[in-house]
Amino acid sequence: METELPKGTFKPLAKILGPLSLWMAAGWAVYPYLVVKVYDAMGETVNAGEVELFSYIMVPTFVILGIIFIIYGFTGQEVPDAQINALNPEKWPCPRCLKPQAADSKKCENCGMFIRK
């Protein structure tokens, strides 16, 4: 039986990915400068145009993703943990094989691993 996840289930993940995406954009913005510095220190030459082109693509991509994640993660209501747990309260996944087990089982029926709650 497949159940649909409640709206807002992934808001905590989006709250992490939003700032991380903006941090990635900052990293890609600095990347061409660092590549040129490293190659200069090694006494070699690099085609900075190719490096900058890739950076010009990655920076706006991660900025847009970061803004989308931040808007989604920090607006609206989050789903309470009780509502997520209520989707399937009588089953727990086995830590080893991930097969659903009864909530009161002590040992996995599939792989035999002892389950600690």
N, C-alpha and C. Protein backbone atom coordinates (compact mmCIF):
# COMPACT_ATOMS: atom_id res chain seq x y z
N MET A 1 0.84 -1.18 0.00
CA MET A 1 0.00 0.00 0.00
C MET A 1 0.88 1.24 0.00
N GLU A 2 0.77 2.05 -1.01
CA GLU A 2 1.54 3.27 -1.08
C GLU A 2 0.71 4.43 -0.57
N THR A 3 1.32 5.21 0.32
CA THR A 3 0.63 6.39 0.84
C THR A 3 1.40 7.62 0.39
N GLU A 4 0.67 8.68 0.19
CA GLU A 4 1.28 9.93 -0.24
C GLU A 4 1.79 10.68 0.98
N LEU A 5 2.99 11.24 0.86
CA LEU A 5 3.56 12.00 1.96
C LEU A 5 2.82 13.32 2.13
N PRO A 6 2.66 13.79 3.37
CA PRO A 6 1.98 15.07 3.58
C PRO A 6 2.80 16.22 2.99
N LYS A 7 2.10 17.28 2.58
CA LYS A 7 2.79 18.46 2.06
C LYS A 7 3.67 19.06 3.16
N GLY A 8 4.87 19.46 2.77
CA GLY A 8 5.80 20.05 3.73
C GLY A 8 6.74 19.05 4.37
N THR A 9 6.73 17.81 3.91
CA THR A 9 7.59 16.79 4.51
C THR A 9 9.07 17.12 4.32
N PHE A 10 9.42 17.72 3.21
CA PHE A 10 10.82 17.96 2.90
C PHE A 10 11.30 19.37 3.27
N LYS A 11 10.51 20.11 4.05
CA LYS A 11 10.91 21.46 4.45
C LYS A 11 12.21 21.47 5.28
N PRO A 12 12.42 20.55 6.22
CA PRO A 12 13.69 20.58 6.95
C PRO A 12 14.90 20.35 6.04
N LEU A 13 14.76 19.49 5.04
CA LEU A 13 15.84 19.27 4.09
C LEU A 13 16.09 20.52 3.25
N ALA A 14 15.04 21.20 2.84
CA ALA A 14 15.19 22.42 2.05
C ALA A 14 15.86 23.52 2.86
N LYS A 15 15.63 23.55 4.18
CA LYS A 15 16.28 24.55 5.03
C LYS A 15 17.79 24.35 5.07
N ILE A 16 18.24 23.14 4.86
CA ILE A 16 19.68 22.85 4.81
C ILE A 16 20.23 23.10 3.41
N LEU A 17 19.50 22.65 2.39
CA LEU A 17 19.98 22.75 1.02
C LEU A 17 20.00 24.19 0.49
N GLY A 18 19.13 25.06 0.99
CA GLY A 18 19.10 26.44 0.52
C GLY A 18 20.40 27.18 0.79
N PRO A 19 20.81 27.30 2.06
CA PRO A 19 22.10 27.96 2.33
C PRO A 19 23.28 27.22 1.72
N LEU A 20 23.21 25.90 1.68
CA LEU A 20 24.29 25.12 1.07
C LEU A 20 24.43 25.44 -0.42
N SER A 21 23.33 25.61 -1.11
CA SER A 21 23.37 25.96 -2.53
C SER A 21 23.99 27.35 -2.73
N LEU A 22 23.66 28.29 -1.87
CA LEU A 22 24.26 29.62 -1.98
C LEU A 22 25.76 29.56 -1.67
N TRP A 23 26.15 28.71 -0.75
CA TRP A 23 27.57 28.52 -0.45
C TRP A 23 28.29 27.92 -1.66
N MET A 24 27.63 26.98 -2.35
CA MET A 24 28.20 26.40 -3.56
C MET A 24 28.35 27.46 -4.65
N ALA A 25 27.38 28.36 -4.77
CA ALA A 25 27.47 29.43 -5.76
C ALA A 25 28.68 30.32 -5.46
N ALA A 26 28.91 30.61 -4.19
CA ALA A 26 30.07 31.42 -3.82
C ALA A 26 31.36 30.69 -4.17
N GLY A 27 31.38 29.39 -3.95
CA GLY A 27 32.56 28.61 -4.30
C GLY A 27 32.84 28.61 -5.79
N TRP A 28 31.78 28.46 -6.59
CA TRP A 28 31.96 28.49 -8.04
C TRP A 28 32.35 29.87 -8.53
N ALA A 29 31.95 30.92 -7.83
CA ALA A 29 32.33 32.27 -8.22
C ALA A 29 33.83 32.49 -8.02
N VAL A 30 34.40 31.89 -7.00
CA VAL A 30 35.82 32.05 -6.69
C VAL A 30 36.68 31.05 -7.46
N TYR A 31 36.09 29.99 -7.95
CA TYR A 31 36.82 28.90 -8.59
C TYR A 31 37.77 29.34 -9.71
N PRO A 32 37.34 30.16 -10.67
CA PRO A 32 38.28 30.54 -11.75
C PRO A 32 39.52 31.28 -11.22
N TYR A 33 39.32 32.13 -10.25
CA TYR A 33 40.44 32.87 -9.66
C TYR A 33 41.43 31.90 -9.01
N LEU A 34 40.91 30.92 -8.27
CA LEU A 34 41.79 29.96 -7.60
C LEU A 34 42.53 29.07 -8.59
N VAL A 35 41.86 28.66 -9.67
CA VAL A 35 42.52 27.82 -10.67
C VAL A 35 43.67 28.56 -11.31
N VAL A 36 43.46 29.81 -11.66
CA VAL A 36 44.53 30.61 -12.28
C VAL A 36 45.69 30.78 -11.30
N LYS A 37 45.40 31.04 -10.02
CA LYS A 37 46.45 31.19 -9.01
C LYS A 37 47.26 29.90 -8.84
N VAL A 38 46.59 28.77 -8.81
CA VAL A 38 47.28 27.49 -8.65
C VAL A 38 48.17 27.21 -9.85
N TYR A 39 47.66 27.41 -11.05
CA TYR A 39 48.46 27.18 -12.25
C TYR A 39 49.63 28.15 -12.33
N ASP A 40 49.45 29.41 -11.92
CA ASP A 40 50.55 30.36 -11.90
C ASP A 40 51.63 29.93 -10.90
N ALA A 41 51.20 29.41 -9.76
CA ALA A 41 52.16 28.95 -8.75
C ALA A 41 52.96 27.75 -9.25
N MET A 42 52.33 26.93 -10.10
CA MET A 42 53.03 25.77 -10.67
C MET A 42 53.87 26.15 -11.88
N GLY A 43 53.73 27.37 -12.36
CA GLY A 43 54.48 27.82 -13.51
C GLY A 43 53.90 27.34 -14.83
N GLU A 44 52.63 26.99 -14.84
CA GLU A 44 51.97 26.53 -16.05
C GLU A 44 50.89 27.52 -16.47
N THR A 45 50.38 27.34 -17.66
CA THR A 45 49.32 28.21 -18.13
C THR A 45 48.03 27.42 -18.24
N VAL A 46 46.93 28.12 -18.11
CA VAL A 46 45.61 27.50 -18.21
C VAL A 46 44.72 28.42 -19.04
N ASN A 47 43.81 27.81 -19.78
CA ASN A 47 42.84 28.58 -20.54
C ASN A 47 41.74 29.04 -19.57
N ALA A 48 41.87 30.26 -19.09
CA ALA A 48 40.94 30.77 -18.09
C ALA A 48 39.54 30.94 -18.66
N GLY A 49 39.42 31.11 -19.96
CA GLY A 49 38.10 31.28 -20.57
C GLY A 49 37.21 30.07 -20.38
N GLU A 50 37.78 28.86 -20.51
CA GLU A 50 36.99 27.65 -20.32
C GLU A 50 36.54 27.50 -18.87
N VAL A 51 37.45 27.81 -17.95
CA VAL A 51 37.12 27.71 -16.53
C VAL A 51 36.06 28.74 -16.16
N GLU A 52 36.19 29.94 -16.67
CA GLU A 52 35.22 30.99 -16.36
C GLU A 52 33.85 30.68 -16.96
N LEU A 53 33.83 30.10 -18.15
CA LEU A 53 32.55 29.76 -18.78
C LEU A 53 31.76 28.78 -17.93
N PHE A 54 32.43 27.75 -17.45
CA PHE A 54 31.76 26.77 -16.59
C PHE A 54 31.29 27.43 -15.30
N SER A 55 32.09 28.32 -14.76
CA SER A 55 31.71 29.03 -13.54
C SER A 55 30.50 29.93 -13.78
N TYR A 56 30.44 30.57 -14.95
CA TYR A 56 29.31 31.44 -15.27
C TYR A 56 28.00 30.65 -15.36
N ILE A 57 28.10 29.38 -15.67
CA ILE A 57 26.91 28.54 -15.73
C ILE A 57 26.51 28.07 -14.33
N MET A 58 27.51 27.69 -13.52
CA MET A 58 27.22 27.09 -12.21
C MET A 58 26.74 28.11 -11.17
N VAL A 59 27.28 29.32 -11.20
CA VAL A 59 26.90 30.31 -10.19
C VAL A 59 25.42 30.64 -10.24
N PRO A 60 24.86 31.03 -11.40
CA PRO A 60 23.42 31.33 -11.40
C PRO A 60 22.56 30.10 -11.12
N THR A 61 23.03 28.93 -11.54
CA THR A 61 22.26 27.71 -11.27
C THR A 61 22.11 27.49 -9.77
N PHE A 62 23.21 27.59 -9.03
CA PHE A 62 23.14 27.35 -7.59
C PHE A 62 22.45 28.50 -6.85
N VAL A 63 22.55 29.72 -7.37
CA VAL A 63 21.82 30.83 -6.74
C VAL A 63 20.32 30.61 -6.89
N ILE A 64 19.88 30.23 -8.07
CA ILE A 64 18.44 29.98 -8.30
C ILE A 64 17.97 28.82 -7.44
N LEU A 65 18.73 27.72 -7.41
CA LEU A 65 18.36 26.58 -6.56
C LEU A 65 18.29 26.99 -5.09
N GLY A 66 19.27 27.77 -4.64
CA GLY A 66 19.28 28.21 -3.24
C GLY A 66 18.07 29.05 -2.90
N ILE A 67 17.70 29.94 -3.79
CA ILE A 67 16.53 30.78 -3.54
C ILE A 67 15.26 29.94 -3.50
N ILE A 68 15.14 28.99 -4.41
CA ILE A 68 13.96 28.11 -4.42
C ILE A 68 13.88 27.30 -3.14
N PHE A 69 15.01 26.71 -2.72
CA PHE A 69 15.02 25.92 -1.49
C PHE A 69 14.69 26.77 -0.27
N ILE A 70 15.23 27.98 -0.22
CA ILE A 70 14.98 28.85 0.93
C ILE A 70 13.51 29.26 0.98
N ILE A 71 12.95 29.62 -0.15
CA ILE A 71 11.52 30.00 -0.17
C ILE A 71 10.66 28.82 0.28
N TYR A 72 10.94 27.64 -0.26
CA TYR A 72 10.14 26.47 0.12
C TYR A 72 10.37 26.09 1.58
N GLY A 73 11.61 26.12 2.03
CA GLY A 73 11.92 25.64 3.38
C GLY A 73 11.46 26.56 4.49
N PHE A 74 11.47 27.86 4.25
CA PHE A 74 11.18 28.79 5.33
C PHE A 74 9.79 29.43 5.24
N THR A 75 8.95 28.99 4.32
CA THR A 75 7.59 29.51 4.25
C THR A 75 6.61 28.37 4.45
N GLY A 76 5.44 28.69 4.90
CA GLY A 76 4.41 27.67 5.10
C GLY A 76 4.62 26.88 6.38
N GLN A 77 3.81 25.86 6.53
CA GLN A 77 3.84 25.04 7.74
C GLN A 77 4.62 23.75 7.50
N GLU A 78 5.35 23.35 8.55
CA GLU A 78 6.03 22.06 8.50
C GLU A 78 5.07 20.97 8.95
N VAL A 79 5.39 19.77 8.56
CA VAL A 79 4.58 18.62 8.96
C VAL A 79 5.08 18.16 10.32
N PRO A 80 4.18 18.01 11.29
CA PRO A 80 4.61 17.50 12.59
C PRO A 80 5.10 16.04 12.46
N ASP A 81 6.08 15.68 13.30
CA ASP A 81 6.62 14.32 13.26
C ASP A 81 5.54 13.28 13.51
N ALA A 82 4.57 13.61 14.34
CA ALA A 82 3.50 12.66 14.64
C ALA A 82 2.70 12.32 13.38
N GLN A 83 2.52 13.29 12.51
CA GLN A 83 1.76 13.05 11.28
C GLN A 83 2.56 12.14 10.33
N ILE A 84 3.86 12.32 10.27
CA ILE A 84 4.69 11.45 9.43
C ILE A 84 4.73 10.05 10.01
N ASN A 85 4.88 9.92 11.32
CA ASN A 85 4.91 8.61 11.96
C ASN A 85 3.58 7.89 11.85
N ALA A 86 2.50 8.64 11.74
CA ALA A 86 1.17 8.03 11.65
C ALA A 86 0.92 7.40 10.29
N LEU A 87 1.76 7.66 9.30
CA LEU A 87 1.57 7.07 7.99
C LEU A 87 1.64 5.54 8.04
N ASN A 88 2.52 5.02 8.86
CA ASN A 88 2.68 3.57 8.98
C ASN A 88 3.24 3.24 10.36
N PRO A 89 2.43 3.36 11.41
CA PRO A 89 2.94 3.22 12.76
C PRO A 89 3.30 1.79 13.15
N GLU A 90 2.71 0.81 12.50
CA GLU A 90 2.94 -0.57 12.93
C GLU A 90 4.15 -1.21 12.28
N LYS A 91 4.87 -0.50 11.44
CA LYS A 91 6.03 -1.06 10.74
C LYS A 91 7.26 -0.20 10.98
N TRP A 92 8.42 -0.86 11.14
CA TRP A 92 9.71 -0.22 11.26
C TRP A 92 10.66 -0.91 10.30
N PRO A 93 11.55 -0.17 9.63
CA PRO A 93 12.49 -0.85 8.74
C PRO A 93 13.63 -1.50 9.53
N CYS A 94 14.06 -2.66 9.05
CA CYS A 94 15.23 -3.32 9.63
C CYS A 94 16.46 -2.49 9.30
N PRO A 95 17.38 -2.28 10.25
CA PRO A 95 18.56 -1.47 9.97
C PRO A 95 19.48 -2.08 8.90
N ARG A 96 19.44 -3.39 8.75
CA ARG A 96 20.33 -4.03 7.79
C ARG A 96 19.70 -4.17 6.41
N CYS A 97 18.52 -4.80 6.32
CA CYS A 97 17.93 -5.10 5.01
C CYS A 97 16.81 -4.14 4.62
N LEU A 98 16.38 -3.29 5.53
CA LEU A 98 15.35 -2.27 5.30
C LEU A 98 13.98 -2.84 4.98
N LYS A 99 13.76 -4.10 5.25
CA LYS A 99 12.43 -4.68 5.09
C LYS A 99 11.56 -4.26 6.26
N PRO A 100 10.29 -3.91 6.02
CA PRO A 100 9.43 -3.48 7.13
C PRO A 100 9.16 -4.63 8.11
N GLN A 101 9.25 -4.29 9.39
CA GLN A 101 9.02 -5.26 10.46
C GLN A 101 7.95 -4.71 11.39
N ALA A 102 7.30 -5.58 12.11
CA ALA A 102 6.32 -5.15 13.10
C ALA A 102 7.03 -4.31 14.16
N ALA A 103 6.32 -3.30 14.69
CA ALA A 103 6.93 -2.38 15.64
C ALA A 103 7.39 -3.08 16.91
N ASP A 104 6.75 -4.19 17.30
CA ASP A 104 7.14 -4.87 18.53
C ASP A 104 8.10 -6.03 18.30
N SER A 105 8.57 -6.24 17.07
CA SER A 105 9.47 -7.37 16.80
C SER A 105 10.86 -7.07 17.33
N LYS A 106 11.52 -8.11 17.82
CA LYS A 106 12.86 -8.00 18.36
C LYS A 106 13.91 -8.45 17.35
N LYS A 107 13.49 -9.25 16.36
CA LYS A 107 14.41 -9.82 15.39
C LYS A 107 13.79 -9.72 14.01
N CYS A 108 14.61 -9.38 13.01
CA CYS A 108 14.12 -9.25 11.63
C CYS A 108 13.75 -10.62 11.09
N GLU A 109 12.58 -10.69 10.48
CA GLU A 109 12.12 -11.95 9.90
C GLU A 109 12.86 -12.29 8.62
N ASN A 110 13.44 -11.28 7.96
CA ASN A 110 14.11 -11.49 6.68
C ASN A 110 15.58 -11.89 6.85
N CYS A 111 16.35 -11.08 7.61
CA CYS A 111 17.79 -11.33 7.70
C CYS A 111 18.23 -11.85 9.06
N GLY A 112 17.37 -11.81 10.07
CA GLY A 112 17.71 -12.35 11.38
C GLY A 112 18.43 -11.38 12.31
N MET A 113 18.60 -10.15 11.92
CA MET A 113 19.29 -9.17 12.76
C MET A 113 18.40 -8.75 13.93
N PHE A 114 18.99 -8.62 15.10
CA PHE A 114 18.24 -8.14 16.26
C PHE A 114 18.00 -6.65 16.11
N ILE A 115 16.76 -6.22 16.36
CA ILE A 115 16.34 -4.84 16.16
C ILE A 115 16.26 -4.14 17.50
N ARG A 116 16.98 -3.03 17.63
CA ARG A 116 16.90 -2.22 18.84
C ARG A 116 16.09 -0.97 18.53
N LYS A 117 15.21 -0.61 19.40
CA LYS A 117 14.37 0.59 19.20
C LYS A 117 14.94 1.73 20.01
